């Protein structure tokens, strides 16, 4: 994966044309972020919701609607999936 990532980054940085520059791994940012200070405050709300949702799910309880919505705004790499959590336990 590091080799492939390096090839993609090299192609993008040198503005080279190859199939890697147009692959599914390279995608534009689809949603923008609000300006500061709203971004800072929003990030704290989302981070807190992710933490709260994970704690509730570990305790076997269902998070409330607002917590689920806020946690859903986090990038996908921020939160562990339920499958990963089950794999760690077993």
PDB file of N, CA and C in Angstrom:
ATOM      1  N   UNK A   1       0.815  -1.182   0.000  1.00  0.00           N
ATOM      2  CA  UNK A   1       0.000   0.000   0.000  1.00  0.00           C
ATOM      3  C   UNK A   1       0.868   1.258   0.000  1.00  0.00           C
ATOM      4  N   UNK A   2       1.979   1.227   0.718  1.00  0.00           N
ATOM      5  CA  UNK A   2       2.853   2.402   0.755  1.00  0.00           C
ATOM      6  C   UNK A   2       3.435   2.677  -0.624  1.00  0.00           C
ATOM      7  N   UNK A   3       3.776   1.635  -1.347  1.00  0.00           N
ATOM      8  CA  UNK A   3       4.328   1.812  -2.688  1.00  0.00           C
ATOM      9  C   UNK A   3       3.292   2.462  -3.602  1.00  0.00           C
ATOM     10  N   UNK A   4       2.067   1.938  -3.568  1.00  0.00           N
ATOM     11  CA  UNK A   4       0.992   2.480  -4.398  1.00  0.00           C
ATOM     12  C   UNK A   4       0.683   3.920  -4.006  1.00  0.00           C
ATOM     13  N   UNK A   5       0.624   4.189  -2.703  1.00  0.00           N
ATOM     14  CA  UNK A   5       0.386   5.555  -2.231  1.00  0.00           C
ATOM     15  C   UNK A   5       1.476   6.502  -2.691  1.00  0.00           C
ATOM     16  N   UNK A   6       2.707   6.051  -2.655  1.00  0.00           N
ATOM     17  CA  UNK A   6       3.826   6.862  -3.122  1.00  0.00           C
ATOM     18  C   UNK A   6       3.736   7.159  -4.605  1.00  0.00           C
ATOM     19  N   UNK A   7       3.358   6.164  -5.391  1.00  0.00           N
ATOM     20  CA  UNK A   7       3.201   6.373  -6.830  1.00  0.00           C
ATOM     21  C   UNK A   7       2.089   7.388  -7.117  1.00  0.00           C
ATOM     22  N   UNK A   8       0.977   7.282  -6.386  1.00  0.00           N
ATOM     23  CA  UNK A   8      -0.133   8.210  -6.584  1.00  0.00           C
ATOM     24  C   UNK A   8       0.292   9.623  -6.206  1.00  0.00           C
ATOM     25  N   UNK A   9       0.934   9.771  -5.046  1.00  0.00           N
ATOM     26  CA  UNK A   9       1.380  11.098  -4.617  1.00  0.00           C
ATOM     27  C   UNK A   9       2.381  11.703  -5.602  1.00  0.00           C
ATOM     28  N   UNK A  10       3.305  10.890  -6.104  1.00  0.00           N
ATOM     29  CA  UNK A  10       4.278  11.377  -7.075  1.00  0.00           C
ATOM     30  C   UNK A  10       3.579  11.867  -8.334  1.00  0.00           C
ATOM     31  N   UNK A  11       2.609  11.113  -8.803  1.00  0.00           N
ATOM     32  CA  UNK A  11       1.865  11.511  -9.997  1.00  0.00           C
ATOM     33  C   UNK A  11       1.124  12.821  -9.767  1.00  0.00           C
ATOM     34  N   UNK A  12       0.499  12.961  -8.592  1.00  0.00           N
ATOM     35  CA  UNK A  12      -0.264  14.176  -8.310  1.00  0.00           C
ATOM     36  C   UNK A  12       0.650  15.379  -8.111  1.00  0.00           C
ATOM     37  N   UNK A  13       1.767  15.199  -7.417  1.00  0.00           N
ATOM     38  CA  UNK A  13       2.669  16.320  -7.153  1.00  0.00           C
ATOM     39  C   UNK A  13       3.397  16.810  -8.397  1.00  0.00           C
ATOM     40  N   UNK A  14       3.695  15.900  -9.302  1.00  0.00           N
ATOM     41  CA  UNK A  14       4.401  16.299 -10.524  1.00  0.00           C
ATOM     42  C   UNK A  14       3.435  16.637 -11.652  1.00  0.00           C
ATOM     43  N   UNK A  15       2.142  16.597 -11.367  1.00  0.00           N
ATOM     44  CA  UNK A  15       1.095  16.865 -12.363  1.00  0.00           C
ATOM     45  C   UNK A  15       1.241  15.939 -13.560  1.00  0.00           C
ATOM     46  N   UNK A  16       1.712  14.749 -13.286  1.00  0.00           N
ATOM     47  CA  UNK A  16       1.863  13.759 -14.350  1.00  0.00           C
ATOM     48  C   UNK A  16       0.522  13.165 -14.738  1.00  0.00           C
ATOM     49  N   UNK A  17       0.482  12.640 -15.924  1.00  0.00           N
ATOM     50  CA  UNK A  17      -0.746  12.010 -16.402  1.00  0.00           C
ATOM     51  C   UNK A  17      -0.547  10.497 -16.405  1.00  0.00           C
ATOM     52  N   UNK A  18      -1.302   9.824 -15.604  1.00  0.00           N
ATOM     53  CA  UNK A  18      -1.298   8.365 -15.612  1.00  0.00           C
ATOM     54  C   UNK A  18      -2.655   7.898 -15.134  1.00  0.00           C
ATOM     55  N   UNK A  19      -2.874   6.612 -15.264  1.00  0.00           N
ATOM     56  CA  UNK A  19      -4.158   6.062 -14.811  1.00  0.00           C
ATOM     57  C   UNK A  19      -4.314   6.194 -13.298  1.00  0.00           C
ATOM     58  N   UNK A  20      -3.209   6.290 -12.563  1.00  0.00           N
ATOM     59  CA  UNK A  20      -3.279   6.438 -11.107  1.00  0.00           C
ATOM     60  C   UNK A  20      -3.892   7.776 -10.700  1.00  0.00           C
ATOM     61  N   UNK A  21      -3.643   8.831 -11.473  1.00  0.00           N
ATOM     62  CA  UNK A  21      -4.174  10.154 -11.144  1.00  0.00           C
ATOM     63  C   UNK A  21      -5.692  10.194 -11.279  1.00  0.00           C
ATOM     64  N   UNK A  22      -6.240   9.254 -12.023  1.00  0.00           N
ATOM     65  CA  UNK A  22      -7.686   9.233 -12.245  1.00  0.00           C
ATOM     66  C   UNK A  22      -8.346   7.996 -11.643  1.00  0.00           C
ATOM     67  N   UNK A  23      -7.640   7.323 -10.749  1.00  0.00           N
ATOM     68  CA  UNK A  23      -8.188   6.103 -10.150  1.00  0.00           C
ATOM     69  C   UNK A  23      -9.227   6.451  -9.081  1.00  0.00           C
ATOM     70  N   UNK A  24      -9.926   5.446  -8.630  1.00  0.00           N
ATOM     71  CA  UNK A  24     -10.953   5.638  -7.598  1.00  0.00           C
ATOM     72  C   UNK A  24     -10.350   6.029  -6.254  1.00  0.00           C
ATOM     73  N   UNK A  25      -9.055   5.789  -6.067  1.00  0.00           N
ATOM     74  CA  UNK A  25      -8.406   6.161  -4.812  1.00  0.00           C
ATOM     75  C   UNK A  25      -8.181   7.664  -4.713  1.00  0.00           C
ATOM     76  N   UNK A  26      -8.205   8.357  -5.829  1.00  0.00           N
ATOM     77  CA  UNK A  26      -8.004   9.803  -5.861  1.00  0.00           C
ATOM     78  C   UNK A  26      -9.363  10.427  -6.101  1.00  0.00           C
ATOM     79  N   UNK A  27      -9.842  11.146  -5.114  1.00  0.00           N
ATOM     80  CA  UNK A  27     -11.152  11.774  -5.267  1.00  0.00           C
ATOM     81  C   UNK A  27     -11.101  13.180  -4.691  1.00  0.00           C
ATOM     82  N   UNK A  28     -11.896  14.062  -5.240  1.00  0.00           N
ATOM     83  CA  UNK A  28     -11.914  15.429  -4.719  1.00  0.00           C
ATOM     84  C   UNK A  28     -12.643  15.493  -3.381  1.00  0.00           C
ATOM     85  N   UNK A  29     -12.365  16.534  -2.616  1.00  0.00           N
ATOM     86  CA  UNK A  29     -13.085  16.760  -1.367  1.00  0.00           C
ATOM     87  C   UNK A  29     -14.529  17.099  -1.732  1.00  0.00           C
ATOM     88  N   UNK A  30     -15.464  16.364  -1.168  1.00  0.00           N
ATOM     89  CA  UNK A  30     -16.861  16.540  -1.570  1.00  0.00           C
ATOM     90  C   UNK A  30     -17.630  17.523  -0.700  1.00  0.00           C
ATOM     91  N   UNK A  31     -17.161  17.761   0.510  1.00  0.00           N
ATOM     92  CA  UNK A  31     -17.865  18.733   1.340  1.00  0.00           C
ATOM     93  C   UNK A  31     -16.844  19.672   1.979  1.00  0.00           C
ATOM     94  N   UNK A  32     -17.239  20.911   2.036  1.00  0.00           N
ATOM     95  CA  UNK A  32     -16.346  21.903   2.598  1.00  0.00           C
ATOM     96  C   UNK A  32     -16.525  22.014   4.103  1.00  0.00           C
ATOM     97  N   UNK A  33     -15.632  22.715   4.716  1.00  0.00           N
ATOM     98  CA  UNK A  33     -15.694  22.947   6.148  1.00  0.00           C
ATOM     99  C   UNK A  33     -16.045  24.401   6.384  1.00  0.00           C
ATOM    100  N   UNK A  34     -16.772  24.688   7.439  1.00  0.00           N
ATOM    101  CA  UNK A  34     -17.108  26.083   7.738  1.00  0.00           C
ATOM    102  C   UNK A  34     -15.867  26.854   8.175  1.00  0.00           C
ATOM    103  N   UNK A  35     -15.931  28.176   8.117  1.00  0.00           N
ATOM    104  CA  UNK A  35     -14.780  28.978   8.533  1.00  0.00           C
ATOM    105  C   UNK A  35     -14.600  28.940  10.050  1.00  0.00           C
ATOM    106  N   UNK A  36     -13.401  29.323  10.485  1.00  0.00           N
ATOM    107  CA  UNK A  36     -13.142  29.464  11.919  1.00  0.00           C
ATOM    108  C   UNK A  36     -13.962  30.637  12.436  1.00  0.00           C
ATOM    109  N   UNK A  37     -14.414  30.655  13.627  1.00  0.00           N
ATOM    110  CA  UNK A  37     -14.232  29.726  14.739  1.00  0.00           C
ATOM    111  C   UNK A  37     -15.270  28.611  14.758  1.00  0.00           C
ATOM    112  N   UNK A  38     -16.182  28.595  13.780  1.00  0.00           N
ATOM    113  CA  UNK A  38     -17.239  27.579  13.762  1.00  0.00           C
ATOM    114  C   UNK A  38     -16.666  26.176  13.575  1.00  0.00           C
ATOM    115  N   UNK A  39     -15.605  26.073  12.798  1.00  0.00           N
ATOM    116  CA  UNK A  39     -14.979  24.772  12.579  1.00  0.00           C
ATOM    117  C   UNK A  39     -14.424  24.216  13.888  1.00  0.00           C
ATOM    118  N   UNK A  40     -13.767  25.061  14.667  1.00  0.00           N
ATOM    119  CA  UNK A  40     -13.182  24.644  15.940  1.00  0.00           C
ATOM    120  C   UNK A  40     -14.271  24.139  16.896  1.00  0.00           C
ATOM    121  N   UNK A  41     -15.320  24.921  17.033  1.00  0.00           N
ATOM    122  CA  UNK A  41     -16.421  24.541  17.937  1.00  0.00           C
ATOM    123  C   UNK A  41     -17.101  23.273  17.434  1.00  0.00           C
ATOM    124  N   UNK A  42     -17.372  23.218  16.134  1.00  0.00           N
ATOM    125  CA  UNK A  42     -18.025  22.038  15.564  1.00  0.00           C
ATOM    126  C   UNK A  42     -17.201  20.784  15.736  1.00  0.00           C
ATOM    127  N   UNK A  43     -15.890  20.905  15.572  1.00  0.00           N
ATOM    128  CA  UNK A  43     -15.018  19.739  15.731  1.00  0.00           C
ATOM    129  C   UNK A  43     -15.093  19.197  17.154  1.00  0.00           C
ATOM    130  N   UNK A  44     -15.186  20.075  18.126  1.00  0.00           N
ATOM    131  CA  UNK A  44     -15.291  19.614  19.520  1.00  0.00           C
ATOM    132  C   UNK A  44     -16.621  18.912  19.770  1.00  0.00           C
ATOM    133  N   UNK A  45     -17.698  19.439  19.186  1.00  0.00           N
ATOM    134  CA  UNK A  45     -18.997  18.766  19.324  1.00  0.00           C
ATOM    135  C   UNK A  45     -18.961  17.375  18.692  1.00  0.00           C
ATOM    136  N   UNK A  46     -18.408  17.283  17.489  1.00  0.00           N
ATOM    137  CA  UNK A  46     -18.353  16.000  16.784  1.00  0.00           C
ATOM    138  C   UNK A  46     -17.454  15.019  17.528  1.00  0.00           C
ATOM    139  N   UNK A  47     -16.280  15.476  17.975  1.00  0.00           N
ATOM    140  CA  UNK A  47     -15.359  14.606  18.709  1.00  0.00           C
ATOM    141  C   UNK A  47     -15.994  14.097  19.999  1.00  0.00           C
ATOM    142  N   UNK A  48     -16.696  14.971  20.697  1.00  0.00           N
ATOM    143  CA  UNK A  48     -17.384  14.562  21.926  1.00  0.00           C
ATOM    144  C   UNK A  48     -18.490  13.560  21.649  1.00  0.00           C
ATOM    145  N   UNK A  49     -19.212  13.763  20.542  1.00  0.00           N
ATOM    146  CA  UNK A  49     -20.284  12.829  20.184  1.00  0.00           C
ATOM    147  C   UNK A  49     -19.726  11.461  19.826  1.00  0.00           C
ATOM    148  N   UNK A  50     -18.595  11.431  19.134  1.00  0.00           N
ATOM    149  CA  UNK A  50     -17.968  10.152  18.792  1.00  0.00           C
ATOM    150  C   UNK A  50     -17.561   9.417  20.063  1.00  0.00           C
ATOM    151  N   UNK A  51     -16.952  10.143  20.969  1.00  0.00           N
ATOM    152  CA  UNK A  51     -16.532   9.542  22.241  1.00  0.00           C
ATOM    153  C   UNK A  51     -17.745   9.025  23.028  1.00  0.00           C
ATOM    154  N   UNK A  52     -18.800   9.854  23.091  1.00  0.00           N
ATOM    155  CA  UNK A  52     -20.016   9.472  23.824  1.00  0.00           C
ATOM    156  C   UNK A  52     -20.678   8.256  23.178  1.00  0.00           C
ATOM    157  N   UNK A  53     -20.772   8.252  21.835  1.00  0.00           N
ATOM    158  CA  UNK A  53     -21.387   7.119  21.141  1.00  0.00           C
ATOM    159  C   UNK A  53     -20.607   5.837  21.398  1.00  0.00           C
ATOM    160  N   UNK A  54     -19.277   5.910  21.297  1.00  0.00           N
ATOM    161  CA  UNK A  54     -18.465   4.717  21.537  1.00  0.00           C
ATOM    162  C   UNK A  54     -18.617   4.211  22.966  1.00  0.00           C
ATOM    163  N   UNK A  55     -18.609   5.119  23.929  1.00  0.00           N
ATOM    164  CA  UNK A  55     -18.780   4.717  25.330  1.00  0.00           C
ATOM    165  C   UNK A  55     -20.129   4.054  25.555  1.00  0.00           C
ATOM    166  N   UNK A  56     -21.188   4.629  24.988  1.00  0.00           N
ATOM    167  CA  UNK A  56     -22.524   4.044  25.150  1.00  0.00           C
ATOM    168  C   UNK A  56     -22.612   2.675  24.476  1.00  0.00           C
ATOM    169  N   UNK A  57     -22.057   2.561  23.278  1.00  0.00           N
ATOM    170  CA  UNK A  57     -22.106   1.269  22.586  1.00  0.00           C
ATOM    171  C   UNK A  57     -21.297   0.204  23.319  1.00  0.00           C
ATOM    172  N   UNK A  58     -20.165   0.594  23.908  1.00  0.00           N
ATOM    173  CA  UNK A  58     -19.379  -0.368  24.696  1.00  0.00           C
ATOM    174  C   UNK A  58     -20.135  -0.813  25.938  1.00  0.00           C
ATOM    175  N   UNK A  59     -20.990   0.074  26.470  1.00  0.00           N
ATOM    176  CA  UNK A  59     -21.786  -0.266  27.649  1.00  0.00           C
ATOM    177  C   UNK A  59     -23.065  -1.006  27.276  1.00  0.00           C
ATOM    178  N   UNK A  60     -23.288  -1.240  25.966  1.00  0.00           N
ATOM    179  CA  UNK A  60     -24.470  -1.964  25.519  1.00  0.00           C
ATOM    180  C   UNK A  60     -25.721  -1.107  25.445  1.00  0.00           C
ATOM    181  N   UNK A  61     -25.548   0.210  25.429  1.00  0.00           N
ATOM    182  CA  UNK A  61     -26.687   1.120  25.344  1.00  0.00           C
ATOM    183  C   UNK A  61     -26.712   1.793  23.987  1.00  0.00           C
ATOM    184  N   UNK A  62     -27.899   2.229  23.570  1.00  0.00           N
ATOM    185  CA  UNK A  62     -28.052   2.877  22.273  1.00  0.00           C
ATOM    186  C   UNK A  62     -27.919   4.389  22.440  1.00  0.00           C
ATOM    187  N   UNK A  63     -27.063   5.038  21.637  1.00  0.00           N
ATOM    188  CA  UNK A  63     -26.908   6.489  21.737  1.00  0.00           C
ATOM    189  C   UNK A  63     -28.164   7.215  21.241  1.00  0.00           C
ATOM    190  N   UNK A  64     -28.371   8.413  21.756  1.00  0.00           N
ATOM    191  CA  UNK A  64     -29.537   9.196  21.349  1.00  0.00           C
ATOM    192  C   UNK A  64     -29.357   9.701  19.916  1.00  0.00           C
ATOM    193  N   UNK A  65     -30.430  10.232  19.351  1.00  0.00           N
ATOM    194  CA  UNK A  65     -30.447  10.670  17.961  1.00  0.00           C
ATOM    195  C   UNK A  65     -29.421  11.777  17.687  1.00  0.00           C
ATOM    196  N   UNK A  66     -29.326  12.768  18.558  1.00  0.00           N
ATOM    197  CA  UNK A  66     -28.385  13.869  18.354  1.00  0.00           C
ATOM    198  C   UNK A  66     -26.937  13.366  18.367  1.00  0.00           C
ATOM    199  N   UNK A  67     -26.634  12.477  19.290  1.00  0.00           N
ATOM    200  CA  UNK A  67     -25.276  11.913  19.366  1.00  0.00           C
ATOM    201  C   UNK A  67     -24.950  11.139  18.097  1.00  0.00           C
ATOM    202  N   UNK A  68     -25.879  10.331  17.618  1.00  0.00           N
ATOM    203  CA  UNK A  68     -25.641   9.569  16.385  1.00  0.00           C
ATOM    204  C   UNK A  68     -25.461  10.493  15.197  1.00  0.00           C
ATOM    205  N   UNK A  69     -26.262  11.565  15.120  1.00  0.00           N
ATOM    206  CA  UNK A  69     -26.158  12.495  14.002  1.00  0.00           C
ATOM    207  C   UNK A  69     -24.817  13.217  14.010  1.00  0.00           C
ATOM    208  N   UNK A  70     -24.429  13.739  15.183  1.00  0.00           N
ATOM    209  CA  UNK A  70     -23.150  14.443  15.281  1.00  0.00           C
ATOM    210  C   UNK A  70     -21.977  13.507  14.997  1.00  0.00           C
ATOM    211  N   UNK A  71     -22.017  12.300  15.535  1.00  0.00           N
ATOM    212  CA  UNK A  71     -20.937  11.341  15.307  1.00  0.00           C
ATOM    213  C   UNK A  71     -20.878  10.936  13.832  1.00  0.00           C
ATOM    214  N   UNK A  72     -22.006  10.975  13.151  1.00  0.00           N
ATOM    215  CA  UNK A  72     -22.046  10.649  11.730  1.00  0.00           C
ATOM    216  C   UNK A  72     -21.347  11.684  10.867  1.00  0.00           C
ATOM    217  N   UNK A  73     -21.102  12.867  11.394  1.00  0.00           N
ATOM    218  CA  UNK A  73     -20.397  13.912  10.658  1.00  0.00           C
ATOM    219  C   UNK A  73     -18.886  13.710  10.649  1.00  0.00           C
ATOM    220  N   UNK A  74     -18.400  12.846  11.512  1.00  0.00           N
ATOM    221  CA  UNK A  74     -16.950  12.589  11.591  1.00  0.00           C
ATOM    222  C   UNK A  74     -16.487  11.848  10.342  1.00  0.00           C
ATOM    223  N   UNK A  75     -15.270  12.109   9.888  1.00  0.00           N
ATOM    224  CA  UNK A  75     -14.732  11.333   8.763  1.00  0.00           C
ATOM    225  C   UNK A  75     -14.707   9.853   9.105  1.00  0.00           C
ATOM    226  N   UNK A  76     -14.820   9.019   8.106  1.00  0.00           N
ATOM    227  CA  UNK A  76     -14.952   7.581   8.358  1.00  0.00           C
ATOM    228  C   UNK A  76     -13.757   6.976   9.077  1.00  0.00           C
ATOM    229  N   UNK A  77     -12.577   7.532   8.945  1.00  0.00           N
ATOM    230  CA  UNK A  77     -11.411   6.977   9.605  1.00  0.00           C
ATOM    231  C   UNK A  77     -11.332   7.288  11.083  1.00  0.00           C
ATOM    232  N   UNK A  78     -12.210   8.149  11.582  1.00  0.00           N
ATOM    233  CA  UNK A  78     -12.137   8.581  12.974  1.00  0.00           C
ATOM    234  C   UNK A  78     -12.725   7.547  13.914  1.00  0.00           C
ATOM    235  N   UNK A  79     -13.778   6.872  13.491  1.00  0.00           N
ATOM    236  CA  UNK A  79     -14.474   5.980  14.404  1.00  0.00           C
ATOM    237  C   UNK A  79     -14.244   4.521  14.016  1.00  0.00           C
ATOM    238  N   UNK A  80     -14.041   3.666  14.994  1.00  0.00           N
ATOM    239  CA  UNK A  80     -13.907   2.244  14.679  1.00  0.00           C
ATOM    240  C   UNK A  80     -15.266   1.662  14.320  1.00  0.00           C
ATOM    241  N   UNK A  81     -15.275   0.750  13.370  1.00  0.00           N
ATOM    242  CA  UNK A  81     -16.536   0.111  13.003  1.00  0.00           C
ATOM    243  C   UNK A  81     -16.892  -0.950  14.039  1.00  0.00           C
ATOM    244  N   UNK A  82     -18.162  -1.320  14.059  1.00  0.00           N
ATOM    245  CA  UNK A  82     -18.597  -2.351  15.001  1.00  0.00           C
ATOM    246  C   UNK A  82     -17.902  -3.678  14.719  1.00  0.00           C
ATOM    247  N   UNK A  83     -17.634  -3.964  13.447  1.00  0.00           N
ATOM    248  CA  UNK A  83     -16.953  -5.212  13.090  1.00  0.00           C
ATOM    249  C   UNK A  83     -15.535  -5.226  13.657  1.00  0.00           C
ATOM    250  N   UNK A  84     -14.842  -4.094  13.597  1.00  0.00           N
ATOM    251  CA  UNK A  84     -13.492  -4.025  14.152  1.00  0.00           C
ATOM    252  C   UNK A  84     -13.514  -4.177  15.668  1.00  0.00           C
ATOM    253  N   UNK A  85     -14.514  -3.600  16.303  1.00  0.00           N
ATOM    254  CA  UNK A  85     -14.613  -3.727  17.751  1.00  0.00           C
ATOM    255  C   UNK A  85     -14.868  -5.176  18.156  1.00  0.00           C
ATOM    256  N   UNK A  86     -15.735  -5.869  17.404  1.00  0.00           N
ATOM    257  CA  UNK A  86     -16.006  -7.281  17.703  1.00  0.00           C
ATOM    258  C   UNK A  86     -14.758  -8.115  17.475  1.00  0.00           C
ATOM    259  N   UNK A  87     -13.987  -7.813  16.433  1.00  0.00           N
ATOM    260  CA  UNK A  87     -12.776  -8.575  16.148  1.00  0.00           C
ATOM    261  C   UNK A  87     -11.734  -8.405  17.248  1.00  0.00           C
ATOM    262  N   UNK A  88     -11.663  -7.212  17.823  1.00  0.00           N
ATOM    263  CA  UNK A  88     -10.709  -6.983  18.910  1.00  0.00           C
ATOM    264  C   UNK A  88     -11.089  -7.748  20.164  1.00  0.00           C
ATOM    265  N   UNK A  89     -12.406  -7.876  20.410  1.00  0.00           N
ATOM    266  CA  UNK A  89     -12.860  -8.581  21.612  1.00  0.00           C
ATOM    267  C   UNK A  89     -12.622 -10.083  21.486  1.00  0.00           C
ATOM    268  N   UNK A  90     -12.836 -10.629  20.291  1.00  0.00           N
ATOM    269  CA  UNK A  90     -12.795 -12.072  20.132  1.00  0.00           C
ATOM    270  C   UNK A  90     -11.526 -12.551  19.611  1.00  0.00           C
TER     271      UNK A  90
END
